[in-house]
Amino acid sequence: MTTTVDTAFSTESGSKRAERIRLFAQPAVVVIVVGAVLLWAFTGEIKPNEKETLNATSLLTALGDHLLITIVVTAMVVVIAVPLGILLTRPGAKFLAPIFLGIANIGQAAPALGVLVLFFLWTGWDGLWVAAIPLAFYSLLPVLRNTMVGLQQVDPSLVDAGRGIGMSSQSVLWRIEFPLAVPLMLAGLRTSLVLAVGTATLAQFVNAGGFGLLIDTGYKLQLNKVLITGSVLAVGLALLVDWLGAIAEQLLGPKGLR
């Protein structure tokens, strides 16, 4: 007599347990590593030209600039990609989907630095917006694609049931389709957030500040403490943003699908 063991439940439980452990461990590791690097940077011998960058004012300014760029880029991506993704899944606009997905694919396939510099040369601007606009174009694809896929994967029988009880198309969209698409949309937004934080290090090339300024200064002047500190802070911020995205997925998704 052979006995079959259903491993689906144990695999799912193990996956959820691993995710919970990661949610607790990731911010702890970031805090420990960043704290250790800052302690190393501010103790011991600091060169005079390092002091100009390795001080609380400069680091907080870089952090504020980096966060501002990330927030602006993310807001632009959400405002553009979510309504556009909804529109492109409606029957009358589905034929436009390949065009917009192709444009978004081009945005992400192109090197972020190249897009940034070309936009700078074309407009002649510098500062926040000349960094945020091309970086939003670069980060657009995950949210747009996941919004479309999330809406398209909703069971058609649920949509038919909603219409069968007299719900309008708008009611079906906002009360059935949209809530069920939220998990995939949040996953796309999480990816875009991490992309925004990572590419924001390039904003210093157009005078928008951020941790890229520390990295570039440390590299050009061969200041290892400045270079390492800027790099670790940028990586730490990206990991924290990724962690916040994971928390949002847990809290904002439909209760029945958590």
C-alpha atoms as a PDB file:
ATOM      1  CA  MET A   1       0.000   0.000   0.000  1.00  0.00           C
ATOM      2  CA  THR A   2       1.473   3.363  -1.029  1.00  0.00           C
ATOM      3  CA  THR A   3       0.788   6.563   0.784  1.00  0.00           C
ATOM      4  CA  THR A   4       0.762   9.893  -1.013  1.00  0.00           C
ATOM      5  CA  VAL A   5       1.667  12.968   0.920  1.00  0.00           C
ATOM      6  CA  ASP A   6       0.166  16.314  -0.061  1.00  0.00           C
ATOM      7  CA  THR A   7       3.062  18.750   0.169  1.00  0.00           C
ATOM      8  CA  ALA A   8       1.136  21.767  -1.140  1.00  0.00           C
ATOM      9  CA  PHE A   9       0.056  22.929   2.322  1.00  0.00           C
ATOM     10  CA  SER A  10       3.490  22.449   3.867  1.00  0.00           C
ATOM     11  CA  THR A  11       5.157  24.232   0.942  1.00  0.00           C
ATOM     12  CA  GLU A  12       2.737  27.147   1.230  1.00  0.00           C
ATOM     13  CA  SER A  13       3.215  27.308   5.000  1.00  0.00           C
ATOM     14  CA  GLY A  14       6.993  27.232   4.571  1.00  0.00           C
ATOM     15  CA  SER A  15       6.826  30.022   2.018  1.00  0.00           C
ATOM     16  CA  LYS A  16       4.698  32.195   4.300  1.00  0.00           C
ATOM     17  CA  ARG A  17       6.995  31.468   7.236  1.00  0.00           C
ATOM     18  CA  ALA A  18      10.044  32.450   5.177  1.00  0.00           C
ATOM     19  CA  GLU A  19       8.318  35.676   4.115  1.00  0.00           C
ATOM     20  CA  ARG A  20       7.483  36.542   7.733  1.00  0.00           C
ATOM     21  CA  ILE A  21      11.087  35.923   8.775  1.00  0.00           C
ATOM     22  CA  ARG A  22      12.324  38.131   5.929  1.00  0.00           C
ATOM     23  CA  LEU A  23       9.927  40.908   6.929  1.00  0.00           C
ATOM     24  CA  PHE A  24      11.464  40.976  10.413  1.00  0.00           C
ATOM     25  CA  ALA A  25      15.070  40.291   9.401  1.00  0.00           C
ATOM     26  CA  GLN A  26      15.418  42.715   6.465  1.00  0.00           C
ATOM     27  CA  PRO A  27      14.990  46.007   8.372  1.00  0.00           C
ATOM     28  CA  ALA A  28      17.098  44.691  11.259  1.00  0.00           C
ATOM     29  CA  VAL A  29      19.987  43.833   8.928  1.00  0.00           C
ATOM     30  CA  VAL A  30      19.716  47.244   7.219  1.00  0.00           C
ATOM     31  CA  VAL A  31      19.797  49.111  10.544  1.00  0.00           C
ATOM     32  CA  ILE A  32      22.767  47.090  11.794  1.00  0.00           C
ATOM     33  CA  VAL A  33      24.814  47.444   8.590  1.00  0.00           C
ATOM     34  CA  VAL A  34      24.043  51.143   8.055  1.00  0.00           C
ATOM     35  CA  GLY A  35      24.687  51.880  11.730  1.00  0.00           C
ATOM     36  CA  ALA A  36      28.012  50.054  11.613  1.00  0.00           C
ATOM     37  CA  VAL A  37      29.117  51.923   8.469  1.00  0.00           C
ATOM     38  CA  LEU A  38      28.128  55.317   9.910  1.00  0.00           C
ATOM     39  CA  LEU A  39      29.973  54.503  13.136  1.00  0.00           C
ATOM     40  CA  TRP A  40      33.056  53.568  11.109  1.00  0.00           C
ATOM     41  CA  ALA A  41      32.731  56.699   8.947  1.00  0.00           C
ATOM     42  CA  PHE A  42      32.444  59.151  11.836  1.00  0.00           C
ATOM     43  CA  THR A  43      35.068  57.581  14.091  1.00  0.00           C
ATOM     44  CA  GLY A  44      38.771  57.355  13.536  1.00  0.00           C
ATOM     45  CA  GLU A  45      40.741  59.656  11.310  1.00  0.00           C
ATOM     46  CA  ILE A  46      38.712  61.742   8.855  1.00  0.00           C
ATOM     47  CA  LYS A  47      40.479  63.733   6.160  1.00  0.00           C
ATOM     48  CA  PRO A  48      39.659  67.450   5.889  1.00  0.00           C
ATOM     49  CA  ASN A  49      38.040  67.014   2.459  1.00  0.00           C
ATOM     50  CA  GLU A  50      36.002  64.072   3.796  1.00  0.00           C
ATOM     51  CA  LYS A  51      34.610  66.258   6.588  1.00  0.00           C
ATOM     52  CA  GLU A  52      32.927  68.455   3.987  1.00  0.00           C
ATOM     53  CA  THR A  53      30.720  65.512   2.982  1.00  0.00           C
ATOM     54  CA  LEU A  54      30.706  63.221   6.015  1.00  0.00           C
ATOM     55  CA  ASN A  55      28.686  65.361   8.381  1.00  0.00           C
ATOM     56  CA  ALA A  56      25.133  65.167   9.622  1.00  0.00           C
ATOM     57  CA  THR A  57      23.921  68.138   7.551  1.00  0.00           C
ATOM     58  CA  SER A  58      25.260  66.795   4.252  1.00  0.00           C
ATOM     59  CA  LEU A  59      23.969  63.268   4.858  1.00  0.00           C
ATOM     60  CA  LEU A  60      20.494  64.473   5.880  1.00  0.00           C
ATOM     61  CA  THR A  61      20.357  66.767   2.848  1.00  0.00           C
ATOM     62  CA  ALA A  62      21.323  63.872   0.559  1.00  0.00           C
ATOM     63  CA  LEU A  63      18.710  61.653   2.235  1.00  0.00           C
ATOM     64  CA  GLY A  64      16.026  64.321   1.845  1.00  0.00           C
ATOM     65  CA  ASP A  65      16.850  64.845  -1.840  1.00  0.00           C
ATOM     66  CA  HIS A  66      16.892  61.098  -2.506  1.00  0.00           C
ATOM     67  CA  LEU A  67      13.543  60.572  -0.768  1.00  0.00           C
ATOM     68  CA  LEU A  68      11.978  63.543  -2.555  1.00  0.00           C
ATOM     69  CA  ILE A  69      13.026  62.215  -5.968  1.00  0.00           C
ATOM     70  CA  THR A  70      11.719  58.745  -5.072  1.00  0.00           C
ATOM     71  CA  ILE A  71       8.366  60.088  -3.837  1.00  0.00           C
ATOM     72  CA  VAL A  72       7.857  62.307  -6.893  1.00  0.00           C
ATOM     73  CA  VAL A  73       8.804  59.503  -9.303  1.00  0.00           C
ATOM     74  CA  THR A  74       6.495  57.035  -7.538  1.00  0.00           C
ATOM     75  CA  ALA A  75       3.583  59.485  -7.501  1.00  0.00           C
ATOM     76  CA  MET A  76       4.014  60.158 -11.229  1.00  0.00           C
ATOM     77  CA  VAL A  77       4.160  56.432 -11.988  1.00  0.00           C
ATOM     78  CA  VAL A  78       0.982  55.689 -10.011  1.00  0.00           C
ATOM     79  CA  VAL A  79      -0.950  58.636 -11.467  1.00  0.00           C
ATOM     80  CA  ILE A  80      -0.009  57.634 -15.035  1.00  0.00           C
ATOM     81  CA  ALA A  81       0.255  53.831 -14.979  1.00  0.00           C
ATOM     82  CA  VAL A  82      -2.787  52.800 -12.920  1.00  0.00           C
ATOM     83  CA  PRO A  83      -5.460  54.773 -14.884  1.00  0.00           C
ATOM     84  CA  LEU A  84      -3.728  53.865 -18.149  1.00  0.00           C
ATOM     85  CA  GLY A  85      -3.611  50.178 -17.188  1.00  0.00           C
ATOM     86  CA  ILE A  86      -7.325  50.245 -16.346  1.00  0.00           C
ATOM     87  CA  LEU A  87      -8.156  51.984 -19.624  1.00  0.00           C
ATOM     88  CA  LEU A  88      -6.151  49.505 -21.717  1.00  0.00           C
ATOM     89  CA  THR A  89      -8.096  46.546 -20.287  1.00  0.00           C
ATOM     90  CA  ARG A  90     -11.478  48.005 -21.297  1.00  0.00           C
ATOM     91  CA  PRO A  91     -12.985  46.502 -24.464  1.00  0.00           C
ATOM     92  CA  GLY A  92     -12.887  49.701 -26.483  1.00  0.00           C
ATOM     93  CA  ALA A  93      -9.171  50.378 -25.866  1.00  0.00           C
ATOM     94  CA  LYS A  94      -7.595  46.916 -25.826  1.00  0.00           C
ATOM     95  CA  PHE A  95      -6.164  47.406 -29.310  1.00  0.00           C
ATOM     96  CA  LEU A  96      -3.973  50.212 -27.917  1.00  0.00           C
ATOM     97  CA  ALA A  97      -2.362  47.979 -25.275  1.00  0.00           C
ATOM     98  CA  PRO A  98       0.576  46.743 -27.437  1.00  0.00           C
ATOM     99  CA  ILE A  99       1.484  50.337 -28.341  1.00  0.00           C
ATOM    100  CA  PHE A 100       1.672  51.616 -24.768  1.00  0.00           C
ATOM    101  CA  LEU A 101       3.362  48.466 -23.476  1.00  0.00           C
ATOM    102  CA  GLY A 102       5.921  48.821 -26.263  1.00  0.00           C
ATOM    103  CA  ILE A 103       6.605  52.434 -25.273  1.00  0.00           C
ATOM    104  CA  ALA A 104       6.954  51.443 -21.606  1.00  0.00           C
ATOM    105  CA  ASN A 105       9.281  48.586 -22.587  1.00  0.00           C
ATOM    106  CA  ILE A 106      11.461  51.030 -24.502  1.00  0.00           C
ATOM    107  CA  GLY A 107      11.605  53.259 -21.423  1.00  0.00           C
ATOM    108  CA  GLN A 108      12.894  50.440 -19.243  1.00  0.00           C
ATOM    109  CA  ALA A 109      15.173  48.904 -21.868  1.00  0.00           C
ATOM    110  CA  ALA A 110      16.989  52.191 -22.441  1.00  0.00           C
ATOM    111  CA  PRO A 111      19.841  52.935 -20.001  1.00  0.00           C
ATOM    112  CA  ALA A 112      18.523  55.169 -17.223  1.00  0.00           C
ATOM    113  CA  LEU A 113      21.567  57.434 -17.349  1.00  0.00           C
ATOM    114  CA  GLY A 114      21.194  57.882 -21.107  1.00  0.00           C
ATOM    115  CA  VAL A 115      17.511  58.818 -20.788  1.00  0.00           C
ATOM    116  CA  LEU A 116      18.328  61.244 -17.983  1.00  0.00           C
ATOM    117  CA  VAL A 117      21.145  63.000 -19.837  1.00  0.00           C
ATOM    118  CA  LEU A 118      19.208  63.208 -23.115  1.00  0.00           C
ATOM    119  CA  PHE A 119      16.248  64.790 -21.315  1.00  0.00           C
ATOM    120  CA  PHE A 120      18.629  67.237 -19.626  1.00  0.00           C
ATOM    121  CA  LEU A 121      20.205  68.209 -22.961  1.00  0.00           C
ATOM    122  CA  TRP A 122      16.814  68.497 -24.664  1.00  0.00           C
ATOM    123  CA  THR A 123      15.185  70.698 -22.022  1.00  0.00           C
ATOM    124  CA  GLY A 124      18.190  72.564 -20.641  1.00  0.00           C
ATOM    125  CA  TRP A 125      16.690  72.164 -17.153  1.00  0.00           C
ATOM    126  CA  ASP A 126      18.338  70.854 -14.035  1.00  0.00           C
ATOM    127  CA  GLY A 127      17.182  69.897 -10.549  1.00  0.00           C
ATOM    128  CA  LEU A 128      14.303  67.763  -9.326  1.00  0.00           C
ATOM    129  CA  TRP A 129      12.002  67.620 -12.333  1.00  0.00           C
ATOM    130  CA  VAL A 130      14.648  66.923 -14.948  1.00  0.00           C
ATOM    131  CA  ALA A 131      15.544  63.875 -12.847  1.00  0.00           C
ATOM    132  CA  ALA A 132      12.014  62.809 -11.877  1.00  0.00           C
ATOM    133  CA  ILE A 133      10.365  62.840 -15.321  1.00  0.00           C
ATOM    134  CA  PRO A 134      12.787  60.497 -17.156  1.00  0.00           C
ATOM    135  CA  LEU A 135      13.147  58.249 -14.096  1.00  0.00           C
ATOM    136  CA  ALA A 136       9.350  57.944 -13.908  1.00  0.00           C
ATOM    137  CA  PHE A 137       9.359  56.907 -17.580  1.00  0.00           C
ATOM    138  CA  TYR A 138      12.038  54.349 -16.717  1.00  0.00           C
ATOM    139  CA  SER A 139      10.018  52.976 -13.753  1.00  0.00           C
ATOM    140  CA  LEU A 140       6.606  52.938 -15.463  1.00  0.00           C
ATOM    141  CA  LEU A 141       6.505  49.400 -16.890  1.00  0.00           C
ATOM    142  CA  PRO A 142       6.075  47.246 -13.732  1.00  0.00           C
ATOM    143  CA  VAL A 143       3.013  49.156 -12.507  1.00  0.00           C
ATOM    144  CA  LEU A 144       1.428  49.416 -15.965  1.00  0.00           C
ATOM    145  CA  ARG A 145       1.963  45.739 -16.792  1.00  0.00           C
ATOM    146  CA  ASN A 146       0.879  44.465 -13.375  1.00  0.00           C
ATOM    147  CA  THR A 147      -2.246  46.637 -13.388  1.00  0.00           C
ATOM    148  CA  MET A 148      -3.254  45.161 -16.734  1.00  0.00           C
ATOM    149  CA  VAL A 149      -2.383  41.581 -15.788  1.00  0.00           C
ATOM    150  CA  GLY A 150      -4.129  41.938 -12.424  1.00  0.00           C
ATOM    151  CA  LEU A 151      -7.368  43.076 -14.066  1.00  0.00           C
ATOM    152  CA  GLN A 152      -7.143  40.520 -16.869  1.00  0.00           C
ATOM    153  CA  GLN A 153      -6.667  37.570 -14.493  1.00  0.00           C
ATOM    154  CA  VAL A 154      -9.951  38.212 -12.643  1.00  0.00           C
ATOM    155  CA  ASP A 155     -12.257  35.223 -13.108  1.00  0.00           C
ATOM    156  CA  PRO A 156     -14.812  36.150 -15.819  1.00  0.00           C
ATOM    157  CA  SER A 157     -17.512  34.286 -13.884  1.00  0.00           C
ATOM    158  CA  LEU A 158     -17.160  36.831 -11.061  1.00  0.00           C
ATOM    159  CA  VAL A 159     -17.620  39.677 -13.535  1.00  0.00           C
ATOM    160  CA  ASP A 160     -20.673  37.940 -15.048  1.00  0.00           C
ATOM    161  CA  ALA A 161     -22.098  37.380 -11.568  1.00  0.00           C
ATOM    162  CA  GLY A 162     -21.738  41.060 -10.749  1.00  0.00           C
ATOM    163  CA  ARG A 163     -23.481  42.065 -13.938  1.00  0.00           C
ATOM    164  CA  GLY A 164     -26.129  39.423 -13.318  1.00  0.00           C
ATOM    165  CA  ILE A 165     -27.172  41.081 -10.079  1.00  0.00           C
ATOM    166  CA  GLY A 166     -27.540  44.438 -11.795  1.00  0.00           C
ATOM    167  CA  MET A 167     -24.146  46.077 -11.160  1.00  0.00           C
ATOM    168  CA  SER A 168     -22.981  48.631 -13.694  1.00  0.00           C
ATOM    169  CA  SER A 169     -19.654  48.288 -15.529  1.00  0.00           C
ATOM    170  CA  GLN A 170     -18.134  50.896 -13.210  1.00  0.00           C
ATOM    171  CA  SER A 171     -19.380  49.073 -10.127  1.00  0.00           C
ATOM    172  CA  VAL A 172     -17.975  45.779 -11.391  1.00  0.00           C
ATOM    173  CA  LEU A 173     -14.617  47.440 -12.019  1.00  0.00           C
ATOM    174  CA  TRP A 174     -14.272  49.132  -8.617  1.00  0.00           C
ATOM    175  CA  ARG A 175     -16.009  46.529  -6.431  1.00  0.00           C
ATOM    176  CA  ILE A 176     -14.861  43.273  -8.057  1.00  0.00           C
ATOM    177  CA  GLU A 177     -12.025  43.645 -10.585  1.00  0.00           C
ATOM    178  CA  PHE A 178      -9.944  46.347  -8.920  1.00  0.00           C
ATOM    179  CA  PRO A 179      -9.806  44.791  -5.411  1.00  0.00           C
ATOM    180  CA  LEU A 180      -8.778  41.431  -6.862  1.00  0.00           C
ATOM    181  CA  ALA A 181      -6.076  43.105  -8.963  1.00  0.00           C
ATOM    182  CA  VAL A 182      -4.592  45.006  -5.998  1.00  0.00           C
ATOM    183  CA  PRO A 183      -2.016  42.321  -4.985  1.00  0.00           C
ATOM    184  CA  LEU A 184      -0.404  42.300  -8.442  1.00  0.00           C
ATOM    185  CA  MET A 185      -0.584  46.079  -8.660  1.00  0.00           C
ATOM    186  CA  LEU A 186       1.175  46.413  -5.310  1.00  0.00           C
ATOM    187  CA  ALA A 187       3.858  43.975  -6.456  1.00  0.00           C
ATOM    188  CA  GLY A 188       4.459  46.145  -9.520  1.00  0.00           C
ATOM    189  CA  LEU A 189       4.540  49.284  -7.398  1.00  0.00           C
ATOM    190  CA  ARG A 190       7.081  47.660  -5.074  1.00  0.00           C
ATOM    191  CA  THR A 191       9.320  46.931  -8.052  1.00  0.00           C
ATOM    192  CA  SER A 192       8.944  50.495  -9.332  1.00  0.00           C
ATOM    193  CA  LEU A 193       9.808  51.898  -5.901  1.00  0.00           C
ATOM    194  CA  VAL A 194      13.054  49.941  -5.784  1.00  0.00           C
ATOM    195  CA  LEU A 195      13.867  51.032  -9.350  1.00  0.00           C
ATOM    196  CA  ALA A 196      13.168  54.654  -8.395  1.00  0.00           C
ATOM    197  CA  VAL A 197      15.465  54.502  -5.355  1.00  0.00           C
ATOM    198  CA  GLY A 198      18.247  52.837  -7.339  1.00  0.00           C
ATOM    199  CA  THR A 199      18.107  55.145 -10.341  1.00  0.00           C
ATOM    200  CA  ALA A 200      17.780  58.235  -8.117  1.00  0.00           C
ATOM    201  CA  THR A 201      21.515  57.871  -7.457  1.00  0.00           C
ATOM    202  CA  LEU A 202      21.954  59.182 -11.016  1.00  0.00           C
ATOM    203  CA  ALA A 203      20.103  62.416 -10.212  1.00  0.00           C
ATOM    204  CA  GLN A 204      23.301  64.125  -9.083  1.00  0.00           C
ATOM    205  CA  PHE A 205      24.360  64.348 -12.748  1.00  0.00           C
ATOM    206  CA  VAL A 206      21.588  66.926 -13.247  1.00  0.00           C
ATOM    207  CA  ASN A 207      22.113  68.746  -9.929  1.00  0.00           C
ATOM    208  CA  ALA A 208      19.202  67.026  -8.153  1.00  0.00           C
ATOM    209  CA  GLY A 209      21.285  65.725  -5.247  1.00  0.00           C
ATOM    210  CA  GLY A 210      20.772  62.409  -3.487  1.00  0.00           C
ATOM    211  CA  PHE A 211      23.225  59.750  -2.361  1.00  0.00           C
ATOM    212  CA  GLY A 212      24.695  59.672  -5.855  1.00  0.00           C
ATOM    213  CA  LEU A 213      26.492  62.906  -4.948  1.00  0.00           C
ATOM    214  CA  LEU A 214      28.403  61.098  -2.198  1.00  0.00           C
ATOM    215  CA  ILE A 215      29.217  58.178  -4.481  1.00  0.00           C
ATOM    216  CA  ASP A 216      30.427  60.423  -7.296  1.00  0.00           C
ATOM    217  CA  THR A 217      32.463  62.641  -4.946  1.00  0.00           C
ATOM    218  CA  GLY A 218      34.066  59.660  -3.246  1.00  0.00           C
ATOM    219  CA  TYR A 219      34.965  58.053  -6.559  1.00  0.00           C
ATOM    220  CA  LYS A 220      36.380  61.179  -8.215  1.00  0.00           C
ATOM    221  CA  LEU A 221      38.409  62.313  -5.204  1.00  0.00           C
ATOM    222  CA  GLN A 222      39.336  58.761  -4.123  1.00  0.00           C
ATOM    223  CA  LEU A 223      37.709  59.217  -0.725  1.00  0.00           C
ATOM    224  CA  ASN A 224      36.890  55.644   0.266  1.00  0.00           C
ATOM    225  CA  LYS A 225      34.905  56.581   3.361  1.00  0.00           C
ATOM    226  CA  VAL A 226      32.631  58.886   1.363  1.00  0.00           C
ATOM    227  CA  LEU A 227      32.248  56.363  -1.462  1.00  0.00           C
ATOM    228  CA  ILE A 228      31.416  53.439   0.831  1.00  0.00           C
ATOM    229  CA  THR A 229      29.078  55.497   3.023  1.00  0.00           C
ATOM    230  CA  GLY A 230      27.105  56.813   0.052  1.00  0.00           C
ATOM    231  CA  SER A 231      26.854  53.353  -1.509  1.00  0.00           C
ATOM    232  CA  VAL A 232      25.725  51.656   1.714  1.00  0.00           C
ATOM    233  CA  LEU A 233      23.152  54.363   2.444  1.00  0.00           C
ATOM    234  CA  ALA A 234      21.704  54.034  -1.077  1.00  0.00           C
ATOM    235  CA  VAL A 235      21.516  50.241  -0.783  1.00  0.00           C
ATOM    236  CA  GLY A 236      20.034  50.478   2.711  1.00  0.00           C
ATOM    237  CA  LEU A 237      17.348  52.902   1.544  1.00  0.00           C
ATOM    238  CA  ALA A 238      16.443  50.618  -1.383  1.00  0.00           C
ATOM    239  CA  LEU A 239      16.103  47.630   0.975  1.00  0.00           C
ATOM    240  CA  LEU A 240      13.967  49.624   3.410  1.00  0.00           C
ATOM    241  CA  VAL A 241      11.705  50.779   0.586  1.00  0.00           C
ATOM    242  CA  ASP A 242      11.413  47.183  -0.623  1.00  0.00           C
ATOM    243  CA  TRP A 243      10.482  46.171   2.948  1.00  0.00           C
ATOM    244  CA  LEU A 244       7.817  48.893   3.147  1.00  0.00           C
ATOM    245  CA  GLY A 245       6.444  47.642  -0.172  1.00  0.00           C
ATOM    246  CA  ALA A 246       6.203  44.121   1.247  1.00  0.00           C
ATOM    247  CA  ILE A 247       4.391  45.457   4.317  1.00  0.00           C
ATOM    248  CA  ALA A 248       1.958  47.332   2.044  1.00  0.00           C
ATOM    249  CA  GLU A 249       1.279  44.121   0.105  1.00  0.00           C
ATOM    250  CA  GLN A 250       0.425  42.386   3.374  1.00  0.00           C
ATOM    251  CA  LEU A 251      -1.810  45.151   4.719  1.00  0.00           C
ATOM    252  CA  LEU A 252      -3.550  46.532   1.616  1.00  0.00           C
ATOM    253  CA  GLY A 253      -4.340  43.349  -0.285  1.00  0.00           C
ATOM    254  CA  PRO A 254      -7.838  41.799  -0.068  1.00  0.00           C
ATOM    255  CA  LYS A 255      -8.243  40.044   3.285  1.00  0.00           C
ATOM    256  CA  GLY A 256      -9.326  36.777   1.680  1.00  0.00           C
ATOM    257  CA  LEU A 257      -6.158  36.604  -0.440  1.00  0.00           C
ATOM    258  CA  ARG A 258      -3.605  37.334   2.303  1.00  0.00           C
END
